[in-house]
C-alpha atoms as a PDB file:
ATOM      1  CA  MET A   1      14.592 -33.976 -45.814  1.00  0.00           C
ATOM      2  CA  THR A   2      10.894 -32.642 -46.101  1.00  0.00           C
ATOM      3  CA  ALA A   3       9.003 -31.441 -49.200  1.00  0.00           C
ATOM      4  CA  ALA A   4       8.843 -27.966 -47.726  1.00  0.00           C
ATOM      5  CA  ASN A   5      12.414 -28.145 -46.476  1.00  0.00           C
ATOM      6  CA  ALA A   6      13.608 -29.226 -50.471  1.00  0.00           C
ATOM      7  CA  GLU A   7      11.321 -26.753 -51.802  1.00  0.00           C
ATOM      8  CA  ALA A   8      13.537 -23.801 -48.920  1.00  0.00           C
ATOM      9  CA  ARG A   9      16.769 -24.832 -50.825  1.00  0.00           C
ATOM     10  CA  SER A  10      16.302 -25.010 -54.111  1.00  0.00           C
ATOM     11  CA  ARG A  11      14.654 -20.606 -53.986  1.00  0.00           C
ATOM     12  CA  VAL A  12      17.223 -18.154 -54.071  1.00  0.00           C
ATOM     13  CA  ARG A  13      17.688 -15.540 -51.927  1.00  0.00           C
ATOM     14  CA  VAL A  14      18.497 -11.855 -53.415  1.00  0.00           C
ATOM     15  CA  ALA A  15      18.605  -8.672 -52.696  1.00  0.00           C
ATOM     16  CA  LEU A  16      17.946  -5.675 -54.933  1.00  0.00           C
ATOM     17  CA  VAL A  17      19.468  -2.159 -55.076  1.00  0.00           C
ATOM     18  CA  ASP A  18      18.357   0.214 -57.468  1.00  0.00           C
ATOM     19  CA  GLU A  19      18.445   4.376 -56.985  1.00  0.00           C
ATOM     20  CA  HIS A  20      14.393   4.492 -58.547  1.00  0.00           C
ATOM     21  CA  GLN A  21      12.518   3.062 -56.145  1.00  0.00           C
ATOM     22  CA  LEU A  22       9.546   2.350 -58.584  1.00  0.00           C
ATOM     23  CA  LEU A  23      12.023   0.083 -60.771  1.00  0.00           C
ATOM     24  CA  VAL A  24      13.264  -1.899 -57.530  1.00  0.00           C
ATOM     25  CA  GLU A  25       9.163  -2.311 -56.226  1.00  0.00           C
ATOM     26  CA  GLY A  26       8.350  -3.555 -59.423  1.00  0.00           C
ATOM     27  CA  LEU A  27      11.309  -5.913 -59.846  1.00  0.00           C
ATOM     28  CA  ALA A  28      10.401  -7.934 -56.518  1.00  0.00           C
ATOM     29  CA  ALA A  29       6.687  -8.267 -57.438  1.00  0.00           C
ATOM     30  CA  ARG A  30       8.390  -9.823 -60.473  1.00  0.00           C
ATOM     31  CA  LEU A  31      11.073 -12.456 -59.242  1.00  0.00           C
ATOM     32  CA  SER A  32       8.737 -13.281 -56.165  1.00  0.00           C
ATOM     33  CA  GLY A  33       6.298 -15.341 -58.476  1.00  0.00           C
ATOM     34  CA  SER A  34       6.036 -18.999 -57.155  1.00  0.00           C
ATOM     35  CA  ARG A  35       6.964 -20.007 -60.245  1.00  0.00           C
ATOM     36  CA  SER A  36      10.880 -18.330 -60.249  1.00  0.00           C
ATOM     37  CA  ARG A  37      11.621 -20.208 -57.182  1.00  0.00           C
ATOM     38  CA  ILE A  38      13.536 -16.329 -56.299  1.00  0.00           C
ATOM     39  CA  ASP A  39      12.760 -15.083 -53.077  1.00  0.00           C
ATOM     40  CA  VAL A  40      12.917 -11.310 -52.773  1.00  0.00           C
ATOM     41  CA  VAL A  41      14.406 -10.053 -49.207  1.00  0.00           C
ATOM     42  CA  ALA A  42      15.936  -6.369 -49.493  1.00  0.00           C
ATOM     43  CA  ALA A  43      14.567  -4.034 -52.332  1.00  0.00           C
ATOM     44  CA  LEU A  44      16.712  -1.317 -52.038  1.00  0.00           C
ATOM     45  CA  THR A  45      17.679   2.165 -53.087  1.00  0.00           C
ATOM     46  CA  SER A  46      21.192   2.947 -51.134  1.00  0.00           C
ATOM     47  CA  TRP A  47      24.402   0.425 -51.409  1.00  0.00           C
ATOM     48  CA  GLU A  48      24.777   1.497 -47.324  1.00  0.00           C
ATOM     49  CA  ALA A  49      21.021   0.268 -47.331  1.00  0.00           C
ATOM     50  CA  LEU A  50      22.545  -3.551 -47.980  1.00  0.00           C
ATOM     51  CA  LEU A  51      25.495  -3.860 -46.090  1.00  0.00           C
ATOM     52  CA  ALA A  52      23.274  -2.798 -43.296  1.00  0.00           C
ATOM     53  CA  HIS A  53      20.895  -4.638 -44.370  1.00  0.00           C
ATOM     54  CA  PRO A  54      19.692  -7.538 -41.282  1.00  0.00           C
ATOM     55  CA  GLU A  55      19.649 -10.248 -44.426  1.00  0.00           C
ATOM     56  CA  PHE A  56      22.891  -9.617 -45.234  1.00  0.00           C
ATOM     57  CA  PRO A  57      24.557 -11.361 -46.993  1.00  0.00           C
ATOM     58  CA  VAL A  58      22.317 -12.947 -49.190  1.00  0.00           C
ATOM     59  CA  ASP A  59      22.620 -15.579 -52.273  1.00  0.00           C
ATOM     60  CA  VAL A  60      22.398 -12.835 -55.108  1.00  0.00           C
ATOM     61  CA  VAL A  61      22.479  -9.069 -54.868  1.00  0.00           C
ATOM     62  CA  VAL A  62      21.707  -7.444 -58.002  1.00  0.00           C
ATOM     63  CA  VAL A  63      23.043  -4.301 -58.176  1.00  0.00           C
ATOM     64  CA  GLU A  64      22.841  -0.899 -60.535  1.00  0.00           C
ATOM     65  CA  TYR A  65      25.968  -0.482 -62.678  1.00  0.00           C
ATOM     66  CA  GLY A  66      25.632   3.067 -62.648  1.00  0.00           C
ATOM     67  CA  LEU A  67      24.269   3.422 -58.899  1.00  0.00           C
ATOM     68  CA  GLU A  68      25.890   7.374 -58.583  1.00  0.00           C
ATOM     69  CA  ASP A  69      26.560   7.049 -54.660  1.00  0.00           C
ATOM     70  CA  GLY A  70      30.458   7.787 -54.663  1.00  0.00           C
ATOM     71  CA  VAL A  71      31.429   4.048 -54.361  1.00  0.00           C
ATOM     72  CA  PRO A  72      33.023   2.394 -57.305  1.00  0.00           C
ATOM     73  CA  PHE A  73      31.515  -0.228 -58.932  1.00  0.00           C
ATOM     74  CA  ASP A  74      34.371  -2.241 -58.664  1.00  0.00           C
ATOM     75  CA  ALA A  75      34.504  -1.678 -55.147  1.00  0.00           C
ATOM     76  CA  LYS A  76      30.712  -2.869 -54.967  1.00  0.00           C
ATOM     77  CA  LEU A  77      31.739  -5.999 -56.338  1.00  0.00           C
ATOM     78  CA  ARG A  78      34.703  -6.281 -54.112  1.00  0.00           C
ATOM     79  CA  SER A  79      32.572  -6.279 -50.724  1.00  0.00           C
ATOM     80  CA  LEU A  80      30.548  -8.915 -52.445  1.00  0.00           C
ATOM     81  CA  ARG A  81      33.519 -11.030 -53.021  1.00  0.00           C
ATOM     82  CA  ALA A  82      34.894 -10.708 -49.102  1.00  0.00           C
ATOM     83  CA  ALA A  83      30.985 -11.806 -48.807  1.00  0.00           C
ATOM     84  CA  ASN A  84      31.662 -15.025 -50.759  1.00  0.00           C
ATOM     85  CA  VAL A  85      27.888 -13.140 -52.546  1.00  0.00           C
ATOM     86  CA  PRO A  86      28.075 -13.341 -56.458  1.00  0.00           C
ATOM     87  CA  ALA A  87      26.221 -10.171 -58.237  1.00  0.00           C
ATOM     88  CA  VAL A  88      24.314  -9.492 -61.394  1.00  0.00           C
ATOM     89  CA  ALA A  89      25.011  -6.131 -62.570  1.00  0.00           C
ATOM     90  CA  LEU A  90      21.786  -4.093 -64.386  1.00  0.00           C
ATOM     91  CA  SER A  91      22.071  -1.743 -66.109  1.00  0.00           C
ATOM     92  CA  ARG A  92      20.409   1.287 -68.843  1.00  0.00           C
ATOM     93  CA  HIS A  93      22.807   0.804 -71.341  1.00  0.00           C
ATOM     94  CA  GLY A  94      24.226  -2.973 -72.920  1.00  0.00           C
ATOM     95  CA  ASP A  95      26.781  -1.863 -75.524  1.00  0.00           C
ATOM     96  CA  GLY A  96      30.030  -2.810 -75.453  1.00  0.00           C
ATOM     97  CA  PRO A  97      32.131  -1.016 -73.254  1.00  0.00           C
ATOM     98  CA  THR A  98      29.604  -0.835 -70.668  1.00  0.00           C
ATOM     99  CA  VAL A  99      28.773  -4.967 -70.167  1.00  0.00           C
ATOM    100  CA  HIS A 100      32.637  -5.048 -70.630  1.00  0.00           C
ATOM    101  CA  ALA A 101      33.403  -3.086 -67.667  1.00  0.00           C
ATOM    102  CA  ALA A 102      30.823  -4.360 -65.460  1.00  0.00           C
ATOM    103  CA  VAL A 103      32.515  -8.096 -66.395  1.00  0.00           C
ATOM    104  CA  LEU A 104      35.737  -6.946 -65.378  1.00  0.00           C
ATOM    105  CA  ALA A 105      34.832  -5.704 -62.721  1.00  0.00           C
ATOM    106  CA  GLY A 106      33.393  -9.124 -61.305  1.00  0.00           C
ATOM    107  CA  ALA A 107      30.258  -8.887 -62.329  1.00  0.00           C
ATOM    108  CA  GLN A 108      29.253 -13.082 -63.430  1.00  0.00           C
ATOM    109  CA  ALA A 109      26.420 -11.590 -65.203  1.00  0.00           C
ATOM    110  CA  PHE A 110      25.264  -8.515 -67.081  1.00  0.00           C
ATOM    111  CA  VAL A 111      21.199  -7.601 -67.826  1.00  0.00           C
ATOM    112  CA  ALA A 112      20.280  -4.624 -69.277  1.00  0.00           C
ATOM    113  CA  LYS A 113      17.452  -3.242 -68.340  1.00  0.00           C
ATOM    114  CA  ASN A 114      15.734  -3.849 -71.984  1.00  0.00           C
ATOM    115  CA  GLU A 115      15.919  -7.099 -71.801  1.00  0.00           C
ATOM    116  CA  SER A 116      12.542  -9.563 -70.108  1.00  0.00           C
ATOM    117  CA  GLY A 117      12.452 -10.452 -66.766  1.00  0.00           C
ATOM    118  CA  ASP A 118      12.815 -13.872 -67.651  1.00  0.00           C
ATOM    119  CA  GLU A 119      16.716 -13.123 -68.807  1.00  0.00           C
ATOM    120  CA  LEU A 120      16.843 -11.597 -64.851  1.00  0.00           C
ATOM    121  CA  VAL A 121      15.750 -14.510 -63.205  1.00  0.00           C
ATOM    122  CA  ALA A 122      18.039 -17.267 -65.610  1.00  0.00           C
ATOM    123  CA  ALA A 123      20.788 -14.809 -64.519  1.00  0.00           C
ATOM    124  CA  ILE A 124      20.086 -15.306 -60.804  1.00  0.00           C
ATOM    125  CA  HIS A 125      19.751 -18.745 -60.811  1.00  0.00           C
ATOM    126  CA  ASP A 126      23.259 -19.677 -63.088  1.00  0.00           C
ATOM    127  CA  VAL A 127      24.924 -16.826 -60.701  1.00  0.00           C
ATOM    128  CA  ALA A 128      23.349 -18.670 -57.808  1.00  0.00           C
ATOM    129  CA  ALA A 129      24.468 -21.663 -58.586  1.00  0.00           C
ATOM    130  CA  GLY A 130      28.453 -20.335 -59.332  1.00  0.00           C
ATOM    131  CA  ARG A 131      27.989 -20.291 -63.353  1.00  0.00           C
ATOM    132  CA  GLU A 132      28.531 -16.928 -65.282  1.00  0.00           C
ATOM    133  CA  HIS A 133      25.074 -15.947 -67.262  1.00  0.00           C
ATOM    134  CA  ARG A 134      25.830 -14.480 -70.804  1.00  0.00           C
ATOM    135  CA  SER A 135      22.605 -13.288 -72.781  1.00  0.00           C
ATOM    136  CA  LEU A 136      22.389 -13.521 -76.498  1.00  0.00           C
ATOM    137  CA  ALA A 137      22.674  -9.565 -76.591  1.00  0.00           C
ATOM    138  CA  VAL A 138      25.347  -9.436 -74.282  1.00  0.00           C
ATOM    139  CA  GLN A 139      27.402 -11.753 -75.798  1.00  0.00           C
ATOM    140  CA  ALA A 140      27.222 -10.310 -78.997  1.00  0.00           C
ATOM    141  CA  ALA A 141      28.137  -6.840 -77.240  1.00  0.00           C
ATOM    142  CA  LEU A 142      31.012  -8.538 -75.586  1.00  0.00           C
ATOM    143  CA  ASP A 143      32.364 -10.046 -78.743  1.00  0.00           C
ATOM    144  CA  ALA A 144      32.215  -6.541 -80.430  1.00  0.00           C
ATOM    145  CA  TYR A 145      34.067  -4.570 -78.078  1.00  0.00           C
ATOM    146  CA  ALA A 146      36.528  -7.641 -78.236  1.00  0.00           C
ATOM    147  CA  ASN A 147      36.354  -6.679 -81.961  1.00  0.00           C
ATOM    148  CA  ARG A 148      36.366  -3.116 -82.085  1.00  0.00           C
ATOM    149  CA  ALA A 149      38.348  -1.113 -84.741  1.00  0.00           C
ATOM    150  CA  ASP A 150      41.711   0.519 -83.095  1.00  0.00           C
ATOM    151  CA  PRO A 151      40.178   4.588 -83.232  1.00  0.00           C
ATOM    152  CA  SER A 152      44.053   6.002 -83.922  1.00  0.00           C
ATOM    153  CA  LEU A 153      43.939   8.775 -82.522  1.00  0.00           C
ATOM    154  CA  GLY A 154      46.393  11.123 -82.427  1.00  0.00           C
ATOM    155  CA  ARG A 155      48.179  12.699 -79.228  1.00  0.00           C
ATOM    156  CA  GLN A 156      46.852  15.889 -79.827  1.00  0.00           C
ATOM    157  CA  GLU A 157      43.116  14.596 -80.283  1.00  0.00           C
ATOM    158  CA  LEU A 158      44.153  11.967 -76.972  1.00  0.00           C
ATOM    159  CA  MET A 159      45.073  14.908 -74.928  1.00  0.00           C
ATOM    160  CA  ALA A 160      42.175  16.929 -75.831  1.00  0.00           C
ATOM    161  CA  LEU A 161      39.395  14.342 -75.005  1.00  0.00           C
ATOM    162  CA  GLN A 162      41.103  13.400 -71.890  1.00  0.00           C
ATOM    163  CA  LEU A 163      41.156  17.061 -70.387  1.00  0.00           C
ATOM    164  CA  TYR A 164      37.468  17.521 -71.874  1.00  0.00           C
ATOM    165  CA  ALA A 165      36.472  14.378 -69.815  1.00  0.00           C
ATOM    166  CA  GLY A 166      37.905  15.164 -66.462  1.00  0.00           C
ATOM    167  CA  GLY A 167      35.682  18.895 -66.694  1.00  0.00           C
ATOM    168  CA  ARG A 168      37.676  21.534 -68.104  1.00  0.00           C
ATOM    169  CA  SER A 169      35.391  23.667 -70.746  1.00  0.00           C
ATOM    170  CA  VAL A 170      36.686  24.104 -74.329  1.00  0.00           C
ATOM    171  CA  HIS A 171      38.251  27.198 -73.454  1.00  0.00           C
ATOM    172  CA  GLU A 172      40.536  25.583 -70.645  1.00  0.00           C
ATOM    173  CA  VAL A 173      41.172  22.602 -72.621  1.00  0.00           C
ATOM    174  CA  ALA A 174      42.276  24.988 -74.977  1.00  0.00           C
ATOM    175  CA  GLN A 175      44.431  26.682 -72.617  1.00  0.00           C
ATOM    176  CA  HIS A 176      45.873  24.309 -71.072  1.00  0.00           C
ATOM    177  CA  MET A 177      47.445  22.694 -74.715  1.00  0.00           C
ATOM    178  CA  ALA A 178      48.335  26.392 -75.637  1.00  0.00           C
ATOM    179  CA  THR A 179      46.407  26.690 -78.413  1.00  0.00           C
ATOM    180  CA  THR A 180      42.906  28.136 -79.798  1.00  0.00           C
ATOM    181  CA  ASP A 181      39.284  27.280 -78.712  1.00  0.00           C
ATOM    182  CA  GLN A 182      38.566  26.596 -82.509  1.00  0.00           C
ATOM    183  CA  THR A 183      41.394  24.058 -82.612  1.00  0.00           C
ATOM    184  CA  ALA A 184      40.644  22.237 -79.264  1.00  0.00           C
ATOM    185  CA  LYS A 185      37.106  22.148 -80.325  1.00  0.00           C
ATOM    186  CA  SER A 186      38.137  20.233 -83.617  1.00  0.00           C
ATOM    187  CA  TYR A 187      40.420  17.689 -82.057  1.00  0.00           C
ATOM    188  CA  ILE A 188      37.820  16.863 -79.278  1.00  0.00           C
ATOM    189  CA  LYS A 189      35.306  16.884 -82.351  1.00  0.00           C
ATOM    190  CA  ARG A 190      37.717  14.911 -84.284  1.00  0.00           C
ATOM    191  CA  GLY A 191      38.228  12.629 -81.451  1.00  0.00           C
ATOM    192  CA  ARG A 192      35.190  11.541 -81.307  1.00  0.00           C
ATOM    193  CA  ARG A 193      34.601  11.148 -84.811  1.00  0.00           C
ATOM    194  CA  LYS A 194      36.919   8.327 -84.911  1.00  0.00           C
ATOM    195  CA  TYR A 195      35.301   6.267 -82.333  1.00  0.00           C
ATOM    196  CA  ARG A 196      31.763   7.165 -84.039  1.00  0.00           C
ATOM    197  CA  ALA A 197      33.654   4.756 -86.462  1.00  0.00           C
ATOM    198  CA  ALA A 198      35.133   2.295 -83.776  1.00  0.00           C
ATOM    199  CA  GLY A 199      31.774   1.399 -82.543  1.00  0.00           C
ATOM    200  CA  VAL A 200      32.335   3.853 -79.680  1.00  0.00           C
ATOM    201  CA  ASP A 201      29.252   6.344 -79.391  1.00  0.00           C
ATOM    202  CA  LEU A 202      31.061   9.557 -77.295  1.00  0.00           C
ATOM    203  CA  GLY A 203      28.452  12.007 -78.660  1.00  0.00           C
ATOM    204  CA  THR A 204      27.679  13.242 -74.804  1.00  0.00           C
ATOM    205  CA  LYS A 205      29.887  14.585 -71.986  1.00  0.00           C
ATOM    206  CA  LEU A 206      28.229  11.411 -70.212  1.00  0.00           C
ATOM    207  CA  LEU A 207      29.064   8.882 -72.543  1.00  0.00           C
ATOM    208  CA  LEU A 208      33.042  10.222 -72.850  1.00  0.00           C
ATOM    209  CA  ARG A 209      32.775  10.454 -68.918  1.00  0.00           C
ATOM    210  CA  ARG A 210      31.965   6.579 -68.285  1.00  0.00           C
ATOM    211  CA  HIS A 211      34.731   6.379 -71.206  1.00  0.00           C
ATOM    212  CA  ALA A 212      37.267   8.245 -69.702  1.00  0.00           C
ATOM    213  CA  ILE A 213      36.674   6.667 -66.307  1.00  0.00           C
ATOM    214  CA  ARG A 214      36.413   2.700 -67.615  1.00  0.00           C
ATOM    215  CA  GLU A 215      39.964   4.375 -69.582  1.00  0.00           C
ATOM    216  CA  GLY A 216      41.770   5.030 -66.595  1.00  0.00           C
ATOM    217  CA  TRP A 217      42.057   8.860 -67.635  1.00  0.00           C
ATOM    218  CA  ILE A 218      40.307  10.298 -64.424  1.00  0.00           C
ATOM    219  CA  GLN A 219      38.967   8.110 -61.536  1.00  0.00           C
ATOM    220  CA  PRO A 220      35.249   8.549 -60.641  1.00  0.00           C
ATOM    221  CA  ASP A 221      33.766  11.283 -58.143  1.00  0.00           C
END
């Protein structure tokens, strides 16, 4: 084997999928340096574009965990497993529930967007070699999630959170539970407060909805 062939075989062919064009272009430039031993063969903003790309399957796919395209993350990873392609999940959020959900879906590595480019390079090479990759920050998030306190919600608090996470207004939650708007609002606030004490932030409707999907309370759109 020539030195050129050996070098080619040691490089990892990577596809990037993130909804932000500027981000994938920046990552492609960062990862394609000669020292990284990575060839970015596709930098895309949609999942469908990846599956239709002439270079697919690749060695590793780096895919945004929160890609809002109507395709659940676990379904994306099932497609990759069928093609024998490992995945690195990329996310704006590095909290325990998000990391746990991505790993549970089958991601071999998780890299938060506030981590370094070197961390992403290491994750890509690890999963390309058949190894899982856990940075110190990711492992700490997983450990915190595993050791999280039980929020110990009451039945009414749980029901109110589930209904509210499913898209109902406070008034509609109250109607469904045959109570007043103020009482329904109180159930939701108490439930959020108990989750916050247990280390899970559900302070916005987006965070609540993501948690509801992870817990199976509601189905992704």
